[in-house]
Amino acid sequence: MNLESTNLVFTGKQTDRMKLAPAVTASLLLLALTTLAALAGCSSERETTSAAPETISNLSLLPVQAANVPDLVEAVGTLRAAQTSQLASQMMGNIVEIRVHEGDRIQRGQVLAVLDDAQPRAALDRATAADLASQQGITAADSDLALADATFKRYQTLYEKKSVSPQEFDEVKARYQGAQARRDMARAGQSQAKAAMQQAHSALGYTRILAPFDGIVTEKKADVGTLASPGMPIFTVEDLRRYRLEATVNETDLRYVRMGQQIPVVIDAIGDKELQGKVVEIVPAADSASRSFLVKIEMPSDPALRSGLFGRAHFSRGERSSLLIPRSAVVERGQLQGIYVLDQNKIANLRYITLGKPSGAQVEVLAGLQAGETLISDPGSRELSGKKIDSR
């Protein structure tokens, strides 16, 4: 075979390969696409299989329905003792003894503090001596008056018989009148001495700071050695038997408040129980800054009440429509509250809501829920989002 024929054969084979290359390439590409499609189909089937939601059974479901609830005006305020007294000194003197401290219970007439009584006691001694001297003076004046009276009566008889001269009679009469005047002055002196002694007794009593009523000491403002002066507060005491809630009511809501009205009051510090209060005073002047009125509510006797506690009073405005759900349905997520709501496929979804005021075992929903929806009444601590709920 010559060189030219060999070249023709080789060239012919190469030409055939070039003709076959596009067909092979297309076949390979079709095979690759078919393989990818198959793999994608398998992956889709696996995804569809894994997306099937988990089913949870034995959970209580609750359809949400609107209900009429009391429409209340809430007035907040502070608890105050109905009777509070600041005990102050009525005289100047050093405090020599303090017998009570903050938190001590006291009884009416109990001595709470003692002031130095040296000067008042000396004044009482002087007044007592003056009273004794006045009594002696009255005794002497009574004796002189008795003698002058007897002499006057004898001379009057003699004067009527013309046995004594008018001058002698006038002299005896003048001595009698002088004796009467001295007796009257002695009695006046005795009254003055008794008044001074009474004043000294009172001043001596001012050295004892006494409890004006049964109660408790809430503040002690002086210590032993302090120079007390008239009007200077030493103690603050409160009557434990009677407390009042001083609450502020907006001017637009004052029409719902009436004297003598019985209303529920909640003191947060002693729990959620309601105490029945009574409106005993409505201050007629409004506060110009807050446009509100001060309402004083008499509280029932309760040993847990203390001055300064925060309280809430509720005045009725009628009724309104609201959504109430069990407290057990609420799920806490940090500072947020939510509930599990079921969709049409009974898939649970966590929805955050805005809660209002609690009412017993229920709580009001202000936003995030509508009547007719279904929720899980007691989800507990389980994570139920995206799961199918089989109700019981």
Protein backbone atom coordinates (compact mmCIF):
# COMPACT_ATOMS: atom_id res chain seq x y z
CA MET A 1 0.00 0.00 0.00
CA ASN A 2 1.35 3.31 -0.97
CA LEU A 3 1.44 6.42 1.17
CA GLU A 4 -1.42 8.18 -0.52
CA SER A 5 -3.83 5.28 -0.05
CA THR A 6 -2.88 5.07 3.58
CA ASN A 7 -3.63 8.75 4.09
CA LEU A 8 -7.01 8.34 2.45
CA VAL A 9 -7.96 5.47 4.73
CA PHE A 10 -6.92 7.38 7.85
CA THR A 11 -8.68 10.49 6.67
CA GLY A 12 -11.86 8.53 6.02
CA LYS A 13 -11.89 7.05 9.52
CA GLN A 14 -11.28 10.43 11.11
CA THR A 15 -14.15 11.90 9.13
CA ASP A 16 -16.49 9.14 10.37
CA ARG A 17 -15.49 9.81 13.97
CA MET A 18 -16.20 13.51 13.59
CA LYS A 19 -19.63 12.67 12.21
CA LEU A 20 -20.37 10.40 15.18
CA ALA A 21 -19.18 12.88 17.92
CA PRO A 22 -22.28 15.14 18.04
CA ALA A 23 -24.59 12.15 18.35
CA VAL A 24 -22.58 10.69 21.21
CA THR A 25 -22.45 14.04 22.98
CA ALA A 26 -26.22 14.46 22.71
CA SER A 27 -26.75 10.95 24.06
CA LEU A 28 -24.50 11.60 27.01
CA LEU A 29 -26.25 14.90 27.77
CA LEU A 30 -29.65 13.24 27.63
CA LEU A 31 -28.44 10.52 29.99
CA ALA A 32 -27.10 13.10 32.44
CA LEU A 33 -30.38 15.07 32.43
CA THR A 34 -32.35 11.86 32.95
CA THR A 35 -30.13 10.92 35.90
CA LEU A 36 -30.49 14.39 37.49
CA ALA A 37 -34.25 14.29 37.06
CA ALA A 38 -34.37 10.89 38.73
CA LEU A 39 -32.23 12.10 41.61
CA ALA A 40 -34.38 15.23 41.97
CA GLY A 41 -37.50 13.09 42.02
CA CYS A 42 -36.07 10.93 44.75
CA SER A 43 -35.06 14.01 46.76
CA SER A 44 -38.54 15.50 46.36
CA GLU A 45 -40.10 12.28 47.51
CA ARG A 46 -37.85 12.25 50.58
CA GLU A 47 -38.69 15.89 51.36
CA THR A 48 -42.39 15.23 51.01
CA THR A 49 -42.08 12.26 53.28
CA SER A 50 -40.07 14.16 55.96
CA ALA A 51 -42.44 17.22 55.91
CA ALA A 52 -45.36 15.22 57.25
CA PRO A 53 -46.21 16.88 60.63
CA GLU A 54 -46.01 15.02 63.91
CA THR A 55 -49.39 14.24 65.47
CA ILE A 56 -49.98 15.00 69.14
CA SER A 57 -52.96 13.45 70.94
CA ASN A 58 -54.74 13.92 74.23
CA LEU A 59 -54.75 17.72 74.26
CA SER A 60 -57.80 19.76 75.20
CA LEU A 61 -59.01 22.24 72.61
CA LEU A 62 -61.14 25.28 73.30
CA PRO A 63 -63.20 27.27 70.81
CA VAL A 64 -62.94 30.98 71.53
CA GLN A 65 -66.23 32.76 72.16
CA ALA A 66 -67.02 36.33 73.09
CA ALA A 67 -68.62 36.92 76.50
CA ASN A 68 -70.00 39.87 78.43
CA VAL A 69 -67.71 40.95 81.27
CA PRO A 70 -68.00 43.81 83.77
CA ASP A 71 -66.71 47.11 82.44
CA LEU A 72 -64.69 48.58 85.30
CA VAL A 73 -62.97 51.88 86.00
CA GLU A 74 -59.71 51.22 87.85
CA ALA A 75 -58.59 53.88 90.31
CA VAL A 76 -55.14 53.43 91.83
CA GLY A 77 -54.03 54.94 95.10
CA THR A 78 -52.16 54.58 98.36
CA LEU A 79 -53.33 53.11 101.64
CA ARG A 80 -53.35 55.58 104.54
CA ALA A 81 -54.28 55.25 108.18
CA ALA A 82 -57.61 56.92 108.87
CA GLN A 83 -56.07 58.46 111.99
CA THR A 84 -52.47 59.63 111.97
CA SER A 85 -50.88 61.88 114.59
CA GLN A 86 -47.55 63.63 114.93
CA LEU A 87 -46.67 63.85 118.60
CA ALA A 88 -44.74 66.98 119.57
CA SER A 89 -43.49 68.56 122.77
CA GLN A 90 -45.54 71.34 124.39
CA MET A 91 -42.61 72.77 126.31
CA MET A 92 -38.87 73.25 125.99
CA GLY A 93 -36.67 70.67 127.64
CA ASN A 94 -34.10 67.97 127.07
CA ILE A 95 -35.33 64.50 126.18
CA VAL A 96 -34.03 62.20 128.91
CA GLU A 97 -35.76 58.95 127.90
CA ILE A 98 -37.18 57.31 124.75
CA ARG A 99 -39.35 54.30 125.55
CA VAL A 100 -40.55 53.19 122.08
CA HIS A 101 -39.16 52.81 118.58
CA GLU A 102 -40.48 52.36 115.03
CA GLY A 103 -42.80 49.39 114.72
CA ASP A 104 -43.72 49.23 118.42
CA ARG A 105 -47.40 48.86 119.19
CA ILE A 106 -48.73 51.37 121.70
CA GLN A 107 -51.81 51.82 123.86
CA ARG A 108 -53.72 54.96 124.65
CA GLY A 109 -52.08 56.87 127.54
CA GLN A 110 -48.77 54.99 127.32
CA VAL A 111 -45.65 57.07 128.05
CA LEU A 112 -43.54 57.23 124.90
CA ALA A 113 -40.85 59.73 125.91
CA VAL A 114 -39.80 61.70 129.01
CA LEU A 115 -38.45 65.27 129.15
CA ASP A 116 -36.37 66.83 131.93
CA ASP A 117 -38.90 67.85 134.64
CA ALA A 118 -36.68 69.80 137.07
CA GLN A 119 -38.10 73.22 136.28
CA PRO A 120 -41.77 72.19 136.10
CA ARG A 121 -41.43 70.29 139.36
CA ALA A 122 -39.90 73.32 141.08
CA ALA A 123 -42.72 75.46 139.77
CA LEU A 124 -45.21 72.95 141.15
CA ASP A 125 -43.54 73.10 144.56
CA ARG A 126 -43.82 76.90 144.56
CA ALA A 127 -47.45 76.76 143.55
CA THR A 128 -48.19 74.19 146.25
CA ALA A 129 -46.56 76.41 148.90
CA ALA A 130 -48.51 79.44 147.67
CA ASP A 131 -51.72 77.47 147.88
CA LEU A 132 -50.95 76.46 151.46
CA ALA A 133 -50.21 80.10 152.38
CA SER A 134 -53.46 81.22 150.79
CA GLN A 135 -55.38 78.71 152.88
CA GLN A 136 -53.76 80.11 156.04
CA GLY A 137 -54.60 83.62 154.93
CA ILE A 138 -58.24 82.68 154.40
CA THR A 139 -58.37 81.17 157.90
CA ALA A 140 -57.02 84.39 159.42
CA ALA A 141 -59.32 86.54 157.31
CA ASP A 142 -62.34 84.46 158.32
CA SER A 143 -61.44 84.93 162.01
CA ASP A 144 -61.07 88.71 161.61
CA LEU A 145 -64.33 88.86 159.70
CA ALA A 146 -66.18 86.88 162.38
CA LEU A 147 -64.95 89.27 165.10
CA ALA A 148 -65.73 92.31 163.00
CA ASP A 149 -69.19 90.97 162.23
CA ALA A 150 -70.01 90.36 165.90
CA THR A 151 -68.76 93.84 166.85
CA PHE A 152 -70.72 95.44 164.02
CA LYS A 153 -73.95 93.74 165.10
CA ARG A 154 -73.52 94.90 168.75
CA TYR A 155 -72.80 98.47 167.71
CA GLN A 156 -75.74 98.42 165.33
CA THR A 157 -78.05 97.55 168.24
CA LEU A 158 -76.52 100.28 170.38
CA TYR A 159 -76.74 102.75 167.54
CA GLU A 160 -80.45 102.04 167.13
CA LYS A 161 -80.86 102.75 170.88
CA LYS A 162 -78.88 105.97 170.53
CA SER A 163 -76.27 104.59 172.92
CA VAL A 164 -73.29 105.22 170.62
CA SER A 165 -72.44 108.12 168.46
CA PRO A 166 -72.70 107.90 164.69
CA GLN A 167 -68.93 108.23 164.38
CA GLU A 168 -68.29 105.22 166.61
CA PHE A 169 -70.82 103.21 164.61
CA ASP A 170 -69.22 104.22 161.29
CA GLU A 171 -65.78 103.19 162.54
CA VAL A 172 -67.04 99.75 163.55
CA LYS A 173 -68.85 99.41 160.24
CA ALA A 174 -65.68 100.33 158.33
CA ARG A 175 -63.67 97.72 160.24
CA TYR A 176 -66.33 95.14 159.35
CA GLN A 177 -66.24 96.03 155.66
CA GLY A 178 -62.42 95.94 155.71
CA ALA A 179 -62.52 92.46 157.22
CA GLN A 180 -64.89 91.36 154.44
CA ALA A 181 -62.53 92.80 151.83
CA ARG A 182 -59.51 91.03 153.32
CA ARG A 183 -61.47 87.76 153.43
CA ASP A 184 -62.40 88.19 149.74
CA MET A 185 -58.81 89.02 148.83
CA ALA A 186 -57.61 85.93 150.68
CA ARG A 187 -60.08 83.77 148.72
CA ALA A 188 -58.97 85.39 145.47
CA GLY A 189 -55.37 84.69 146.43
CA GLN A 190 -56.28 81.08 147.06
CA SER A 191 -57.94 80.80 143.65
CA GLN A 192 -54.84 82.30 142.06
CA ALA A 193 -52.61 79.87 143.95
CA LYS A 194 -54.76 76.93 142.88
CA ALA A 195 -54.61 78.10 139.24
CA ALA A 196 -50.84 78.36 139.47
CA MET A 197 -50.68 74.89 140.97
CA GLN A 198 -52.89 73.53 138.19
CA GLN A 199 -50.65 75.17 135.62
CA ALA A 200 -47.61 73.65 137.29
CA HIS A 201 -49.29 70.24 137.23
CA SER A 202 -49.99 70.65 133.51
CA ALA A 203 -46.43 71.76 132.81
CA LEU A 204 -45.16 68.73 134.70
CA GLY A 205 -47.47 66.55 132.61
CA TYR A 206 -45.97 68.02 129.43
CA THR A 207 -42.72 66.29 130.32
CA ARG A 208 -44.42 62.99 129.43
CA ILE A 209 -45.24 62.34 125.75
CA LEU A 210 -48.32 60.10 125.81
CA ALA A 211 -49.95 57.96 123.15
CA PRO A 212 -53.25 59.55 122.05
CA PHE A 213 -54.78 56.24 120.88
CA ASP A 214 -54.03 52.57 120.35
CA GLY A 215 -51.80 52.11 117.33
CA ILE A 216 -48.25 51.73 116.10
CA VAL A 217 -45.18 53.97 115.98
CA THR A 218 -44.26 54.57 112.34
CA GLU A 219 -41.53 57.17 112.82
CA LYS A 220 -39.20 58.36 115.58
CA LYS A 221 -37.74 61.79 114.90
CA ALA A 222 -35.67 62.53 118.05
CA ASP A 223 -33.22 60.80 120.36
CA VAL A 224 -32.17 61.09 123.98
CA GLY A 225 -30.36 64.39 124.61
CA THR A 226 -32.28 66.34 121.96
CA LEU A 227 -33.57 69.72 123.12
CA ALA A 228 -37.28 69.55 122.48
CA SER A 229 -39.19 72.74 121.76
CA PRO A 230 -42.91 73.41 121.47
CA GLY A 231 -44.26 72.03 118.21
CA MET A 232 -41.19 69.94 117.39
CA PRO A 233 -42.37 66.46 116.18
CA ILE A 234 -40.95 63.54 118.13
CA PHE A 235 -43.09 60.57 116.96
CA THR A 236 -45.56 59.72 114.21
CA VAL A 237 -48.20 57.19 115.25
CA GLU A 238 -51.02 55.56 113.31
CA ASP A 239 -54.25 53.85 114.26
CA LEU A 240 -54.09 50.24 113.04
CA ARG A 241 -57.81 49.65 113.28
CA ARG A 242 -58.91 51.83 110.37
CA TYR A 243 -57.32 52.36 106.96
CA ARG A 244 -58.43 54.26 103.88
CA LEU A 245 -57.42 53.93 100.25
CA GLU A 246 -56.84 57.40 98.82
CA ALA A 247 -57.37 56.84 95.09
CA THR A 248 -57.45 59.26 92.17
CA VAL A 249 -60.35 59.15 89.71
CA ASN A 250 -60.25 60.87 86.34
CA GLU A 251 -62.72 63.74 85.98
CA THR A 252 -64.53 61.92 83.15
CA ASP A 253 -65.12 58.86 85.36
CA LEU A 254 -66.20 60.66 88.53
CA ARG A 255 -69.86 60.15 87.61
CA TYR A 256 -69.46 56.45 88.41
CA VAL A 257 -68.45 57.20 92.04
CA ARG A 258 -71.10 57.67 94.75
CA MET A 259 -70.91 58.30 98.47
CA GLY A 260 -71.50 55.12 100.49
CA GLN A 261 -70.84 52.93 97.44
CA GLN A 262 -69.50 49.44 98.18
CA ILE A 263 -66.65 48.61 95.78
CA PRO A 264 -64.00 45.86 95.43
CA VAL A 265 -60.43 46.84 96.30
CA VAL A 266 -57.28 44.82 95.60
CA ILE A 267 -54.10 45.39 97.61
CA ASP A 268 -51.34 43.75 95.58
CA ALA A 269 -49.03 43.27 98.57
CA ILE A 270 -51.46 40.95 100.35
CA GLY A 271 -52.54 38.88 97.34
CA ASP A 272 -55.25 38.87 94.70
CA LYS A 273 -58.18 38.64 97.11
CA GLU A 274 -60.75 41.43 96.88
CA LEU A 275 -61.62 43.51 99.93
CA GLN A 276 -64.92 45.33 100.11
CA GLY A 277 -64.36 49.05 100.58
CA LYS A 278 -66.81 51.89 101.11
CA VAL A 279 -66.59 55.38 99.63
CA VAL A 280 -66.62 57.76 102.60
CA GLU A 281 -65.28 60.98 101.07
CA ILE A 282 -64.98 62.62 97.65
CA VAL A 283 -62.74 65.67 97.73
CA PRO A 284 -64.76 68.27 95.79
CA ALA A 285 -61.78 70.09 94.23
CA ALA A 286 -59.98 68.54 91.25
CA ASP A 287 -56.22 68.50 90.87
CA SER A 288 -55.42 71.06 88.18
CA ALA A 289 -52.37 69.14 86.93
CA SER A 290 -53.84 65.64 86.57
CA ARG A 291 -57.52 66.62 86.17
CA SER A 292 -58.50 64.02 88.72
CA PHE A 293 -60.38 63.85 92.00
CA LEU A 294 -59.27 62.28 95.27
CA VAL A 295 -61.64 59.59 96.57
CA LYS A 296 -61.22 58.13 100.07
CA ILE A 297 -62.38 54.54 100.51
CA GLU A 298 -62.84 53.04 103.98
CA MET A 299 -61.21 49.60 104.18
CA PRO A 300 -62.37 46.64 106.31
CA SER A 301 -60.28 45.57 109.27
CA ASP A 302 -57.38 43.36 108.17
CA PRO A 303 -54.15 42.75 110.11
CA ALA A 304 -52.16 42.66 106.86
CA LEU A 305 -52.96 46.25 105.92
CA ARG A 306 -50.18 48.80 106.31
CA SER A 307 -49.88 52.47 105.51
CA GLY A 308 -48.25 53.22 102.17
CA LEU A 309 -49.34 50.05 100.32
CA PHE A 310 -50.46 50.30 96.69
CA GLY A 311 -54.13 49.55 96.01
CA ARG A 312 -56.61 49.41 93.14
CA ALA A 313 -60.31 50.20 93.41
CA HIS A 314 -62.80 49.18 90.72
CA PHE A 315 -65.93 51.18 89.90
CA SER A 316 -68.55 49.60 87.62
CA ARG A 317 -69.49 51.16 84.27
CA GLY A 318 -71.75 48.29 83.16
CA GLU A 319 -70.76 45.45 80.80
CA ARG A 320 -68.76 45.00 77.59
CA SER A 321 -67.95 42.20 75.15
CA SER A 322 -64.59 40.50 75.62
CA LEU A 323 -62.58 37.36 74.84
CA LEU A 324 -61.64 35.29 77.89
CA ILE A 325 -59.26 32.34 77.81
CA PRO A 326 -57.91 30.08 80.57
CA ARG A 327 -54.67 31.21 82.17
CA SER A 328 -53.34 27.70 81.53
CA ALA A 329 -53.49 28.37 77.77
CA VAL A 330 -50.93 31.18 77.98
CA VAL A 331 -47.33 30.31 77.09
CA GLU A 332 -44.53 32.52 78.40
CA ARG A 333 -41.68 33.36 76.03
CA GLY A 334 -39.45 35.77 77.91
CA GLN A 335 -41.42 38.98 78.29
CA LEU A 336 -44.02 37.89 75.73
CA GLN A 337 -47.20 35.85 76.11
CA GLY A 338 -48.58 33.60 73.44
CA ILE A 339 -51.10 30.84 72.76
CA TYR A 340 -51.22 27.86 70.42
CA VAL A 341 -53.92 28.42 67.78
CA LEU A 342 -55.02 25.66 65.35
CA ASP A 343 -55.43 26.33 61.63
CA GLN A 344 -57.89 24.58 59.29
CA ASN A 345 -55.61 21.52 59.13
CA LYS A 346 -55.39 21.33 62.93
CA ILE A 347 -51.76 22.43 62.81
CA ALA A 348 -50.75 24.32 65.96
CA ASN A 349 -49.07 27.70 65.57
CA LEU A 350 -47.71 29.86 68.38
CA ARG A 351 -49.29 33.31 68.25
CA TYR A 352 -48.26 36.20 70.48
CA ILE A 353 -51.14 38.10 72.05
CA THR A 354 -51.81 41.10 74.28
CA LEU A 355 -53.39 40.21 77.60
CA GLY A 356 -55.63 42.35 79.77
CA LYS A 357 -56.80 41.98 83.34
CA PRO A 358 -57.11 38.52 84.91
CA SER A 359 -60.49 37.37 86.17
CA GLY A 360 -60.20 34.33 88.40
CA ALA A 361 -58.84 31.40 86.39
CA GLN A 362 -59.31 33.31 83.13
CA VAL A 363 -57.60 36.25 81.50
CA GLU A 364 -58.81 38.77 78.95
CA VAL A 365 -57.25 38.92 75.47
CA LEU A 366 -57.00 42.45 74.11
CA ALA A 367 -55.34 41.72 70.75
CA GLY A 368 -54.12 38.79 68.66
CA LEU A 369 -57.18 36.51 68.85
CA GLN A 370 -60.63 36.43 67.30
CA ALA A 371 -63.87 34.76 68.25
CA GLY A 372 -64.39 31.41 66.52
CA GLU A 373 -60.75 30.36 66.54
CA THR A 374 -59.61 27.23 68.35
CA LEU A 375 -56.72 27.12 70.79
CA ILE A 376 -55.03 24.58 73.04
CA SER A 377 -56.34 25.13 76.56
CA ASP A 378 -53.40 23.56 78.43
CA PRO A 379 -50.24 23.13 76.33
CA GLY A 380 -47.91 22.90 79.29
CA SER A 381 -44.21 23.33 78.55
CA ARG A 382 -44.19 21.33 75.30
CA GLU A 383 -43.17 22.87 71.96
CA LEU A 384 -46.20 22.36 69.69
CA SER A 385 -45.58 24.73 66.78
CA GLY A 386 -46.05 23.00 63.41
CA LYS A 387 -47.50 19.83 64.93
CA LYS A 388 -50.89 18.35 64.17
CA ILE A 389 -53.21 18.16 67.16
CA ASP A 390 -55.57 15.25 67.61
CA SER A 391 -58.21 16.59 70.02
CA ARG A 392 -59.88 14.55 72.69
